[in-house]
Amino acid sequence: MPEIDISWNEGTVGEWDALFARVSRSTLLQSFAYGRAMGRTYGHVPRLGVIRGDGEPVGVVQTLDRRMLKLFHDRQCYRGPLWLDGATPGPDMLEAVFRRLRRACPRSPLSRANLLPELPAGLESEALLARCGFQKIGAGYQTVWFDLTRSEEAMRTGLARDWRQRLRGAEKAGLVLDVDWKADNLPWLMKQEHDQARDKGFRAMTGPLAVRLRNAMVKGGSCNDGVVMVTALDGRTPVACGLFFRHGVCATSQISWASESGRKSGAMRLVLWRAMQELKRRGVRALDLGGINPDTAPGVTEFKLGTGGEAVETVGQYR
């Protein structure tokens, strides 16, 4: 069993990002760009950790810290830790890591920790976290991962039959696609997102956070493929739009919107398919389709599962 340690805030952000790029299924909420945007929006301070086994990096983890009323300390770690080079740690290594996370995220009357570990749902994961001193307080996160390493032909063949047929119909509908790698029209999309969140009763990412995350992704023009907005237009009228954030070799579908006519024409399928192609061409290897909930959003769940991606569920939310 290797000796496990977590080094916090050592080295440069660039060095940490280089390790993050080695994660085969990285998550948006563990990216430094997300941490920086949360800091500027809500006052969180990102804390970057490198997990080492026998002195060699094996994983990365980010926590977001915030002090309230100068006394109460809140620390959150959502959708991490993450592992390098596709390696799956054994149970002993996992337990050692989460014991160190428990020490890094203490629980006391003046300190609270919230974790949404990127561990698979199941009794084994629950037992591991219980042994490390964590208490379950909520359900896990469900999403669908789409593999972009396949050929476009294999990607299309893997689509559900109805999904593929509706995509073909959208491709024949005469819609024009606008691909914007700066997301210049993001304020307009956030207005549509706010309206649909109000109408459908879900909690959306706030406009300021989305804009600051976009800005962090393209800071100083050094990264021209960190965010992409794909819009389907019927003439000059937008009928569907999707916003995608890149993090390492992965990306996340953050916002999807379609008008009534866009839903009838299947325009969102065309938007998602084009985004998959664009991301694939820029070296993205896996796309997180952004969460599903079969109970409260069956239509969205069916849409995302129809891509033929892999449905996953994490173990739960813990304190």
Protein backbone atom coordinates (compact mmCIF):
# COMPACT_ATOMS: atom_id res chain seq x y z
CA MET A 1 0.00 0.00 0.00
CA PRO A 2 1.59 3.35 -1.07
CA GLU A 3 1.89 6.19 1.41
CA ILE A 4 -0.88 8.69 0.62
CA ASP A 5 -0.73 12.45 1.16
CA ILE A 6 -2.58 15.55 -0.10
CA SER A 7 -0.47 18.67 -0.72
CA TRP A 8 -2.51 21.89 -0.68
CA ASN A 9 -1.74 25.03 -2.69
CA GLU A 10 1.77 23.97 -3.67
CA GLY A 11 3.30 24.87 -7.03
CA THR A 12 1.58 27.01 -9.64
CA VAL A 13 -1.94 26.96 -11.01
CA GLY A 14 -0.43 26.00 -14.37
CA GLU A 15 1.18 22.92 -12.84
CA TRP A 16 -2.12 21.94 -11.21
CA ASP A 17 -3.98 22.46 -14.51
CA ALA A 18 -1.44 20.21 -16.25
CA LEU A 19 -2.32 17.43 -13.80
CA PHE A 20 -6.04 18.19 -14.20
CA ALA A 21 -5.63 17.68 -17.98
CA ARG A 22 -4.56 14.10 -17.26
CA VAL A 23 -7.96 13.25 -15.75
CA SER A 24 -9.94 11.17 -18.27
CA ARG A 25 -13.30 12.26 -16.83
CA SER A 26 -12.74 15.62 -15.23
CA THR A 27 -15.69 17.58 -13.83
CA LEU A 28 -16.48 21.25 -14.30
CA LEU A 29 -16.91 21.88 -10.57
CA GLN A 30 -13.35 20.71 -9.90
CA SER A 31 -11.78 23.01 -12.50
CA PHE A 32 -9.83 26.03 -11.30
CA ALA A 33 -11.81 28.25 -13.69
CA TYR A 34 -14.97 27.28 -11.80
CA GLY A 35 -13.27 27.93 -8.47
CA ARG A 36 -12.11 31.35 -9.61
CA ALA A 37 -15.59 32.25 -10.89
CA MET A 38 -17.16 31.13 -7.59
CA GLY A 39 -14.66 33.30 -5.75
CA ARG A 40 -15.54 36.40 -7.73
CA THR A 41 -19.27 35.71 -7.48
CA TYR A 42 -19.76 34.38 -3.95
CA GLY A 43 -16.47 34.97 -2.16
CA HIS A 44 -15.17 31.39 -2.13
CA VAL A 45 -11.42 30.79 -2.01
CA PRO A 46 -10.24 27.85 -4.15
CA ARG A 47 -7.90 25.40 -2.43
CA LEU A 48 -6.03 23.15 -4.84
CA GLY A 49 -4.85 19.75 -3.69
CA VAL A 50 -2.53 17.23 -5.33
CA ILE A 51 -2.99 13.65 -4.13
CA ARG A 52 0.29 11.73 -4.01
CA GLY A 53 1.07 8.08 -3.54
CA ASP A 54 4.68 7.41 -2.52
CA GLY A 55 5.45 10.97 -3.58
CA GLU A 56 4.02 10.67 -7.11
CA PRO A 57 0.83 12.51 -8.20
CA VAL A 58 -2.15 10.15 -8.53
CA GLY A 59 -5.06 12.59 -8.32
CA VAL A 60 -6.29 16.15 -7.81
CA VAL A 61 -8.98 17.73 -5.65
CA GLN A 62 -10.34 21.26 -5.21
CA THR A 63 -12.22 22.63 -2.22
CA LEU A 64 -13.96 26.00 -2.07
CA ASP A 65 -13.67 27.83 1.26
CA ARG A 66 -15.73 30.70 2.61
CA ARG A 67 -15.92 32.46 5.96
CA MET A 68 -19.19 33.98 7.11
CA LEU A 69 -19.50 36.59 9.87
CA LYS A 70 -15.72 36.14 10.37
CA LEU A 71 -16.43 33.11 12.53
CA PHE A 72 -18.21 30.36 10.65
CA HIS A 73 -16.13 28.41 8.13
CA ASP A 74 -17.78 26.65 5.19
CA ARG A 75 -15.84 24.29 2.93
CA GLN A 76 -17.25 22.40 -0.06
CA CYS A 77 -15.85 19.75 -2.36
CA TYR A 78 -18.17 18.89 -5.23
CA ARG A 79 -17.53 16.12 -7.77
CA GLY A 80 -14.03 15.23 -6.66
CA PRO A 81 -11.46 13.89 -6.02
CA LEU A 82 -10.38 13.00 -9.54
CA TRP A 83 -7.75 10.48 -10.64
CA LEU A 84 -4.97 10.78 -13.19
CA ASP A 85 -4.55 8.74 -16.37
CA GLY A 86 -7.76 6.75 -15.98
CA ALA A 87 -6.43 4.92 -12.91
CA THR A 88 -9.02 3.49 -10.51
CA PRO A 89 -7.69 3.51 -6.93
CA GLY A 90 -8.14 0.43 -4.82
CA PRO A 91 -10.31 0.53 -1.67
CA ASP A 92 -7.32 1.01 0.67
CA MET A 93 -6.07 4.03 -1.28
CA LEU A 94 -9.56 5.52 -1.47
CA GLU A 95 -10.02 5.17 2.26
CA ALA A 96 -6.66 6.78 2.94
CA VAL A 97 -7.57 9.73 0.69
CA PHE A 98 -10.99 10.29 2.26
CA ARG A 99 -9.54 10.07 5.76
CA ARG A 100 -7.21 12.90 4.81
CA LEU A 101 -10.12 14.83 3.30
CA ARG A 102 -12.01 14.41 6.57
CA ARG A 103 -9.07 16.00 8.39
CA ALA A 104 -8.92 18.76 5.77
CA CYS A 105 -12.69 19.33 6.10
CA PRO A 106 -13.31 19.17 9.87
CA ARG A 107 -16.77 19.25 11.39
CA SER A 108 -17.41 21.46 14.41
CA PRO A 109 -19.94 24.04 15.66
CA LEU A 110 -18.03 26.71 13.71
CA SER A 111 -17.03 24.63 10.70
CA ARG A 112 -19.12 22.86 8.09
CA ALA A 113 -18.06 20.68 5.18
CA ASN A 114 -20.22 19.70 2.21
CA LEU A 115 -18.98 16.94 -0.09
CA LEU A 116 -20.44 15.46 -3.24
CA PRO A 117 -17.76 12.82 -3.89
CA GLU A 118 -17.15 11.55 -7.40
CA LEU A 119 -17.62 7.97 -6.21
CA PRO A 120 -20.10 5.47 -7.71
CA ALA A 121 -23.39 4.94 -5.89
CA GLY A 122 -23.57 1.74 -3.86
CA LEU A 123 -23.18 0.19 -0.43
CA GLU A 124 -19.40 -0.15 -0.78
CA SER A 125 -18.90 3.59 -1.32
CA GLU A 126 -21.34 4.43 1.48
CA ALA A 127 -19.52 2.16 3.92
CA LEU A 128 -16.15 3.65 2.98
CA LEU A 129 -17.33 7.21 3.62
CA ALA A 130 -18.96 6.20 6.91
CA ARG A 131 -15.68 4.68 8.11
CA CYS A 132 -13.94 7.95 7.27
CA GLY A 133 -16.37 9.95 9.42
CA PHE A 134 -18.74 11.36 6.80
CA GLN A 135 -22.52 11.41 7.21
CA LYS A 136 -24.87 11.16 4.23
CA ILE A 137 -27.34 14.04 3.93
CA GLY A 138 -28.64 13.82 0.36
CA ALA A 139 -28.89 11.94 -2.90
CA GLY A 140 -26.08 11.64 -5.40
CA TYR A 141 -25.66 13.27 -8.78
CA GLN A 142 -26.85 11.56 -11.95
CA THR A 143 -25.55 12.38 -15.40
CA VAL A 144 -24.71 10.89 -18.78
CA TRP A 145 -21.18 10.75 -20.21
CA PHE A 146 -20.79 10.74 -23.99
CA ASP A 147 -17.60 9.26 -25.50
CA LEU A 148 -16.10 11.60 -28.10
CA THR A 149 -13.09 9.41 -28.90
CA ARG A 150 -15.15 7.34 -31.36
CA SER A 151 -15.52 8.16 -35.04
CA GLU A 152 -18.46 10.38 -35.98
CA GLU A 153 -20.00 7.40 -37.74
CA ALA A 154 -19.82 5.33 -34.55
CA MET A 155 -21.21 8.24 -32.53
CA ARG A 156 -24.21 8.54 -34.86
CA THR A 157 -24.77 4.79 -34.95
CA GLY A 158 -24.86 4.77 -31.14
CA LEU A 159 -27.78 7.21 -31.02
CA ALA A 160 -31.20 5.77 -30.20
CA ARG A 161 -33.27 5.16 -33.32
CA ASP A 162 -35.83 7.90 -32.63
CA TRP A 163 -33.06 10.33 -31.60
CA ARG A 164 -31.21 9.66 -34.86
CA GLN A 165 -34.36 10.06 -36.94
CA ARG A 166 -35.23 13.39 -35.34
CA LEU A 167 -31.65 14.57 -35.83
CA ARG A 168 -31.93 13.70 -39.51
CA GLY A 169 -35.17 15.70 -39.69
CA ALA A 170 -33.53 18.71 -38.04
CA GLU A 171 -30.65 18.52 -40.49
CA LYS A 172 -33.17 18.82 -43.35
CA ALA A 173 -35.14 21.68 -41.76
CA GLY A 174 -32.97 24.43 -43.27
CA LEU A 175 -31.71 25.72 -39.93
CA VAL A 176 -28.46 27.69 -39.78
CA LEU A 177 -25.97 26.95 -37.00
CA ASP A 178 -23.87 29.67 -35.38
CA VAL A 179 -20.80 28.41 -33.48
CA ASP A 180 -19.41 31.03 -31.10
CA TRP A 181 -16.16 30.17 -29.27
CA LYS A 182 -16.36 33.35 -27.17
CA ALA A 183 -20.02 33.07 -26.13
CA ASP A 184 -20.45 36.79 -26.84
CA ASN A 185 -24.24 36.45 -26.72
CA LEU A 186 -24.24 34.78 -23.29
CA PRO A 187 -26.36 37.48 -21.55
CA TRP A 188 -29.18 36.76 -24.04
CA LEU A 189 -28.96 33.01 -23.34
CA MET A 190 -28.98 33.59 -19.58
CA LYS A 191 -32.23 35.53 -19.99
CA GLN A 192 -33.77 32.53 -21.78
CA GLU A 193 -32.39 30.22 -19.08
CA HIS A 194 -33.83 32.37 -16.30
CA ASP A 195 -37.26 32.38 -17.96
CA GLN A 196 -37.35 28.61 -18.52
CA ALA A 197 -36.11 27.95 -14.96
CA ARG A 198 -38.98 30.07 -13.63
CA ASP A 199 -41.52 28.32 -15.85
CA LYS A 200 -40.27 24.77 -15.18
CA GLY A 201 -39.38 25.23 -11.53
CA PHE A 202 -35.68 24.39 -11.47
CA ARG A 203 -32.68 26.27 -10.10
CA ALA A 204 -30.44 27.65 -12.82
CA MET A 205 -26.86 28.90 -12.77
CA THR A 206 -26.96 32.63 -12.12
CA GLY A 207 -26.06 35.05 -14.88
CA PRO A 208 -23.09 36.59 -13.00
CA LEU A 209 -21.57 33.16 -12.30
CA ALA A 210 -22.02 32.05 -15.92
CA VAL A 211 -20.42 35.24 -17.26
CA ARG A 212 -17.50 35.05 -14.82
CA LEU A 213 -16.97 31.39 -15.64
CA ARG A 214 -16.98 32.26 -19.35
CA ASN A 215 -14.46 35.01 -18.65
CA ALA A 216 -12.25 32.66 -16.62
CA MET A 217 -12.30 30.14 -19.45
CA VAL A 218 -11.09 32.69 -22.01
CA LYS A 219 -8.94 34.87 -19.72
CA GLY A 220 -6.63 37.11 -21.69
CA GLY A 221 -7.46 35.30 -24.92
CA SER A 222 -5.02 32.53 -23.95
CA CYS A 223 -7.69 29.86 -24.33
CA ASN A 224 -9.88 30.09 -27.41
CA ASP A 225 -11.70 26.82 -26.94
CA GLY A 226 -12.73 26.85 -23.27
CA VAL A 227 -16.36 27.72 -23.96
CA VAL A 228 -18.62 27.32 -26.97
CA MET A 229 -22.15 28.48 -27.65
CA VAL A 230 -24.02 26.80 -30.51
CA THR A 231 -27.23 28.45 -31.75
CA ALA A 232 -29.73 27.15 -34.30
CA LEU A 233 -31.39 29.91 -36.32
CA ASP A 234 -34.55 29.80 -38.40
CA GLY A 235 -33.76 32.73 -40.64
CA ARG A 236 -32.62 35.31 -38.11
CA THR A 237 -34.63 33.88 -35.22
CA PRO A 238 -32.87 31.70 -32.61
CA VAL A 239 -34.86 28.51 -31.99
CA ALA A 240 -32.36 26.52 -29.89
CA CYS A 241 -29.07 27.15 -28.14
CA GLY A 242 -26.54 25.25 -26.03
CA LEU A 243 -23.66 26.42 -23.84
CA PHE A 244 -20.69 24.10 -23.24
CA PHE A 245 -17.70 24.61 -20.94
CA ARG A 246 -14.43 22.80 -21.54
CA HIS A 247 -12.28 21.60 -18.61
CA GLY A 248 -9.16 19.58 -19.32
CA VAL A 249 -9.89 16.90 -21.92
CA CYS A 250 -13.61 16.97 -21.06
CA ALA A 251 -16.54 19.36 -21.42
CA THR A 252 -19.90 19.90 -19.76
CA SER A 253 -23.22 20.82 -21.33
CA GLN A 254 -24.29 23.64 -19.02
CA ILE A 255 -27.37 25.23 -20.61
CA SER A 256 -29.85 23.98 -23.22
CA TRP A 257 -32.72 26.12 -24.46
CA ALA A 258 -35.25 25.72 -27.28
CA SER A 259 -38.31 27.70 -28.33
CA GLU A 260 -41.60 25.98 -29.09
CA SER A 261 -40.80 25.86 -32.80
CA GLY A 262 -37.29 24.64 -31.98
CA ARG A 263 -38.69 21.76 -29.95
CA LYS A 264 -41.01 20.79 -32.80
CA SER A 265 -38.16 20.78 -35.34
CA GLY A 266 -35.73 18.87 -33.11
CA ALA A 267 -33.31 21.82 -33.25
CA MET A 268 -31.72 20.98 -29.88
CA ARG A 269 -30.57 17.64 -31.26
CA LEU A 270 -28.86 19.49 -34.09
CA VAL A 271 -27.24 21.93 -31.62
CA LEU A 272 -25.93 19.11 -29.41
CA TRP A 273 -24.68 17.07 -32.37
CA ARG A 274 -22.79 20.06 -33.79
CA ALA A 275 -21.30 20.84 -30.38
CA MET A 276 -20.11 17.24 -30.08
CA GLN A 277 -18.40 17.50 -33.45
CA GLU A 278 -16.75 20.84 -32.62
CA LEU A 279 -15.52 19.67 -29.22
CA LYS A 280 -14.21 16.42 -30.68
CA ARG A 281 -12.20 18.32 -33.31
CA ARG A 282 -10.53 20.32 -30.55
CA GLY A 283 -9.38 17.27 -28.63
CA VAL A 284 -12.20 16.89 -26.09
CA ARG A 285 -12.54 13.20 -25.25
CA ALA A 286 -15.69 13.04 -23.12
CA LEU A 287 -18.81 15.20 -22.71
CA ASP A 288 -20.76 15.39 -19.45
CA LEU A 289 -24.32 16.02 -20.61
CA GLY A 290 -25.07 18.00 -17.49
CA GLY A 291 -27.26 16.00 -15.16
CA ILE A 292 -30.45 13.93 -15.32
CA ASN A 293 -33.35 13.31 -12.96
CA PRO A 294 -35.83 10.62 -14.07
CA ASP A 295 -38.36 11.71 -11.43
CA THR A 296 -38.52 15.48 -11.89
CA ALA A 297 -37.30 15.84 -15.50
CA PRO A 298 -38.20 12.66 -17.42
CA GLY A 299 -38.16 14.39 -20.81
CA VAL A 300 -34.65 15.77 -20.35
CA THR A 301 -33.51 12.41 -19.02
CA GLU A 302 -34.91 10.58 -22.04
CA PHE A 303 -33.28 13.11 -24.38
CA LYS A 304 -29.83 12.67 -22.83
CA LEU A 305 -30.06 8.89 -22.54
CA GLY A 306 -31.07 8.81 -26.21
CA THR A 307 -27.54 9.83 -27.15
CA GLY A 308 -26.39 6.34 -26.16
CA GLY A 309 -24.06 7.75 -23.50
CA GLU A 310 -23.22 6.06 -20.21
CA ALA A 311 -25.55 6.90 -17.31
CA VAL A 312 -23.74 7.24 -13.97
CA GLU A 313 -24.79 8.08 -10.42
CA THR A 314 -22.56 9.22 -7.56
CA VAL A 315 -22.83 8.02 -3.98
CA GLY A 316 -24.53 11.06 -2.46
CA GLN A 317 -24.01 14.34 -0.61
CA TYR A 318 -22.12 14.16 2.68
CA ARG A 319 -21.06 16.22 5.67
